[in-house]
């Protein structure tokens, strides 16, 4: 009799095990069978940065909504980040904006190699600057034309530290396209920060 009384308990325990196993199988099958390739940030990206191939990589995750599929990668490249993005985070549709339109029409970016002492170390992206020929360049040019030449005015879009102590810094400036030839002729450029009147950097 005692064995008969215990039997229903064993039966229900067995049923419970079957149910739990079935649910577990469904969950595992769902996780394994419905995976998608999505885009994830390969490195930190500041707001305003134009997304490039090196900024993104793809991973497989359980299917869901609110992320950008790897198949849509072509539609992401060239778009601008609306918010700072952190390496390793999944890319979401609302985190990037309109098509790339930089530099603006009629403007170009020029990279200057600025020797030590020819620019303030505080020059940063967004600064309005005037780029002039330094004293050595004016002397080397040997004429009043260099000294009287109009400065190249623009907005800093990038400033990279020197690769070695005492080396040249690279400062990239957005200028009017008509001033590119004059900018290229500056042998020892010097950067002077101007009062801000607008920010053209992306």
Protein backbone atom coordinates (compact mmCIF):
# COMPACT_ATOMS: atom_id res chain seq x y z
CA UNK A 1 0.00 0.00 0.00
CA UNK A 2 2.77 2.39 0.88
CA UNK A 3 4.25 1.94 -2.56
CA UNK A 4 0.92 2.70 -4.24
CA UNK A 5 0.50 5.95 -2.30
CA UNK A 6 3.87 7.19 -3.36
CA UNK A 7 3.26 6.43 -7.01
CA UNK A 8 1.22 9.59 -7.86
CA UNK A 9 4.05 11.70 -6.47
CA UNK A 10 6.55 9.99 -8.73
CA UNK A 11 4.18 10.39 -11.67
CA UNK A 12 3.79 14.12 -11.12
CA UNK A 13 7.51 14.50 -10.58
CA UNK A 14 8.07 12.74 -13.89
CA UNK A 15 5.56 14.96 -15.65
CA UNK A 16 7.19 18.03 -14.15
CA UNK A 17 10.56 16.93 -15.43
CA UNK A 18 9.15 16.41 -18.91
CA UNK A 19 7.51 19.86 -18.88
CA UNK A 20 10.66 21.61 -17.66
CA UNK A 21 12.75 19.75 -20.21
CA UNK A 22 10.35 20.70 -22.98
CA UNK A 23 10.41 24.38 -21.98
CA UNK A 24 14.18 24.32 -21.73
CA UNK A 25 14.43 22.76 -25.18
CA UNK A 26 12.18 25.46 -26.65
CA UNK A 27 14.27 28.22 -25.08
CA UNK A 28 17.54 26.70 -26.27
CA UNK A 29 16.14 26.08 -29.74
CA UNK A 30 14.93 29.67 -29.87
CA UNK A 31 18.29 31.06 -28.78
CA UNK A 32 20.27 28.85 -31.15
CA UNK A 33 17.93 28.78 -34.12
CA UNK A 34 17.05 32.49 -34.34
CA UNK A 35 20.38 34.24 -34.27
CA UNK A 36 21.18 37.21 -36.48
CA UNK A 37 24.31 39.06 -37.49
CA UNK A 38 24.21 42.63 -36.20
CA UNK A 39 26.55 45.61 -36.09
CA UNK A 40 28.58 46.47 -33.01
CA UNK A 41 31.05 49.31 -32.38
CA UNK A 42 34.67 48.26 -32.87
CA UNK A 43 35.96 51.35 -31.04
CA UNK A 44 34.77 54.44 -29.21
CA UNK A 45 33.21 57.02 -31.54
CA UNK A 46 32.55 60.66 -30.59
CA UNK A 47 29.32 62.44 -31.46
CA UNK A 48 29.52 63.98 -34.94
CA UNK A 49 31.97 61.37 -36.21
CA UNK A 50 31.25 60.01 -39.70
CA UNK A 51 31.00 56.24 -39.41
CA UNK A 52 33.60 54.31 -41.43
CA UNK A 53 34.25 50.62 -42.04
CA UNK A 54 36.84 50.44 -39.27
CA UNK A 55 34.35 51.71 -36.69
CA UNK A 56 32.09 48.66 -37.02
CA UNK A 57 32.23 44.90 -36.79
CA UNK A 58 29.56 42.22 -36.77
CA UNK A 59 28.52 39.69 -34.16
CA UNK A 60 25.79 37.06 -33.87
CA UNK A 61 23.13 37.56 -31.22
CA UNK A 62 19.67 36.20 -30.48
CA UNK A 63 17.16 37.83 -32.79
CA UNK A 64 15.44 40.93 -31.51
CA UNK A 65 14.50 44.49 -32.38
CA UNK A 66 16.17 47.84 -31.90
CA UNK A 67 19.54 46.95 -33.46
CA UNK A 68 21.06 47.38 -36.91
CA UNK A 69 21.55 44.20 -38.93
CA UNK A 70 24.92 43.52 -40.54
CA UNK A 71 23.09 43.28 -43.86
CA UNK A 72 22.29 47.00 -43.56
CA UNK A 73 25.94 47.99 -43.09
CA UNK A 74 26.16 49.87 -46.41
CA UNK A 75 23.38 52.18 -45.27
CA UNK A 76 25.27 53.05 -42.09
CA UNK A 77 28.68 53.93 -43.55
CA UNK A 78 29.01 57.64 -44.18
CA UNK A 79 26.38 58.54 -41.59
CA UNK A 80 27.20 60.77 -38.64
CA UNK A 81 27.00 59.59 -35.02
CA UNK A 82 24.36 61.60 -33.14
CA UNK A 83 25.65 60.58 -29.70
CA UNK A 84 28.96 59.25 -28.33
CA UNK A 85 29.19 55.51 -29.03
CA UNK A 86 31.14 53.05 -26.89
CA UNK A 87 33.22 50.16 -28.21
CA UNK A 88 31.43 46.84 -27.86
CA UNK A 89 27.90 48.29 -27.82
CA UNK A 90 25.27 47.26 -30.35
CA UNK A 91 24.44 49.91 -32.94
CA UNK A 92 20.84 51.18 -32.83
CA UNK A 93 19.03 53.06 -35.63
CA UNK A 94 18.57 56.27 -33.63
CA UNK A 95 22.28 56.62 -32.88
CA UNK A 96 23.33 57.90 -36.30
CA UNK A 97 21.96 60.58 -38.58
CA UNK A 98 21.83 61.94 -42.10
CA UNK A 99 24.06 61.27 -45.06
CA UNK A 100 27.62 62.49 -45.09
CA UNK A 101 27.86 66.06 -46.29
CA UNK A 102 31.28 67.09 -45.15
CA UNK A 103 33.26 69.06 -46.08
CA UNK A 104 30.52 71.50 -47.07
CA UNK A 105 30.38 72.68 -50.68
CA UNK A 106 33.07 75.28 -51.38
CA UNK A 107 35.27 74.23 -48.45
CA UNK A 108 38.17 71.81 -48.04
CA UNK A 109 40.23 70.34 -45.23
CA UNK A 110 43.96 71.06 -45.14
CA UNK A 111 46.42 69.31 -42.81
CA UNK A 112 49.26 71.48 -41.54
CA UNK A 113 52.47 70.19 -39.95
CA UNK A 114 52.94 72.66 -37.10
CA UNK A 115 56.42 72.80 -35.62
CA UNK A 116 56.98 73.09 -31.88
CA UNK A 117 56.23 76.60 -30.66
CA UNK A 118 54.18 77.59 -33.72
CA UNK A 119 50.82 76.80 -32.10
CA UNK A 120 49.36 76.79 -28.65
CA UNK A 121 49.14 73.27 -27.17
CA UNK A 122 45.51 74.08 -26.32
CA UNK A 123 44.44 74.21 -29.99
CA UNK A 124 41.53 71.76 -30.25
CA UNK A 125 38.82 70.71 -32.67
CA UNK A 126 36.29 73.50 -33.21
CA UNK A 127 38.72 76.41 -32.66
CA UNK A 128 38.54 79.24 -35.18
CA UNK A 129 42.12 79.90 -36.30
CA UNK A 130 44.30 81.90 -38.64
CA UNK A 131 47.23 80.05 -40.22
CA UNK A 132 50.15 82.26 -41.19
CA UNK A 133 53.67 81.74 -42.45
CA UNK A 134 56.08 81.54 -39.51
CA UNK A 135 59.15 83.80 -39.18
CA UNK A 136 61.47 81.17 -40.65
CA UNK A 137 59.24 80.72 -43.66
CA UNK A 138 59.00 84.45 -44.29
CA UNK A 139 62.75 84.81 -44.08
CA UNK A 140 63.27 81.80 -46.30
CA UNK A 141 60.87 83.23 -48.88
CA UNK A 142 63.01 86.33 -48.96
CA UNK A 143 60.34 88.82 -49.83
CA UNK A 144 57.63 91.14 -48.59
CA UNK A 145 55.10 89.02 -50.44
CA UNK A 146 55.34 86.33 -47.77
CA UNK A 147 55.07 88.80 -44.91
CA UNK A 148 52.10 90.60 -46.45
CA UNK A 149 50.26 87.43 -47.50
CA UNK A 150 46.78 87.15 -46.06
CA UNK A 151 46.40 84.44 -43.41
CA UNK A 152 44.38 81.32 -44.11
CA UNK A 153 41.34 81.41 -41.82
CA UNK A 154 39.33 78.34 -40.94
CA UNK A 155 38.06 75.99 -38.24
CA UNK A 156 40.09 73.18 -36.70
CA UNK A 157 38.57 69.77 -37.44
CA UNK A 158 41.40 67.73 -35.93
CA UNK A 159 44.56 68.17 -33.86
CA UNK A 160 47.00 65.30 -33.43
CA UNK A 161 49.91 65.37 -30.98
CA UNK A 162 53.47 65.07 -32.21
CA UNK A 163 54.68 61.50 -32.63
CA UNK A 164 58.00 62.32 -30.94
CA UNK A 165 59.21 64.99 -28.48
CA UNK A 166 59.88 68.22 -30.34
CA UNK A 167 58.23 66.87 -33.49
CA UNK A 168 55.55 68.54 -35.57
CA UNK A 169 51.88 68.39 -34.64
CA UNK A 170 49.30 67.80 -37.35
CA UNK A 171 46.44 70.30 -37.26
CA UNK A 172 43.65 69.87 -39.82
CA UNK A 173 41.71 73.01 -40.71
CA UNK A 174 38.51 73.49 -42.70
CA UNK A 175 39.12 76.40 -45.11
CA UNK A 176 37.54 77.91 -48.19
CA UNK A 177 38.55 75.89 -51.24
CA UNK A 178 39.93 79.04 -52.87
CA UNK A 179 42.51 79.31 -50.07
CA UNK A 180 43.89 75.77 -50.47
CA UNK A 181 46.67 76.84 -52.87
CA UNK A 182 47.77 79.58 -50.46
CA UNK A 183 47.63 77.14 -47.54
CA UNK A 184 49.79 74.62 -49.39
CA UNK A 185 52.44 77.30 -49.90
CA UNK A 186 53.01 77.87 -46.17
CA UNK A 187 56.39 76.30 -45.43
CA UNK A 188 56.52 76.87 -41.65
CA UNK A 189 52.86 77.50 -40.76
CA UNK A 190 51.92 79.17 -37.49
CA UNK A 191 48.45 78.83 -35.92
CA UNK A 192 46.76 81.68 -34.06
CA UNK A 193 43.43 81.07 -32.32
CA UNK A 194 40.77 83.67 -33.17
CA UNK A 195 37.63 84.66 -31.27
CA UNK A 196 34.88 82.15 -32.08
CA UNK A 197 32.33 83.38 -34.62
CA UNK A 198 30.91 79.98 -35.56
CA UNK A 199 31.82 76.33 -35.59
CA UNK A 200 32.01 74.55 -38.94
CA UNK A 201 33.52 71.32 -37.68
CA UNK A 202 31.25 68.27 -37.98
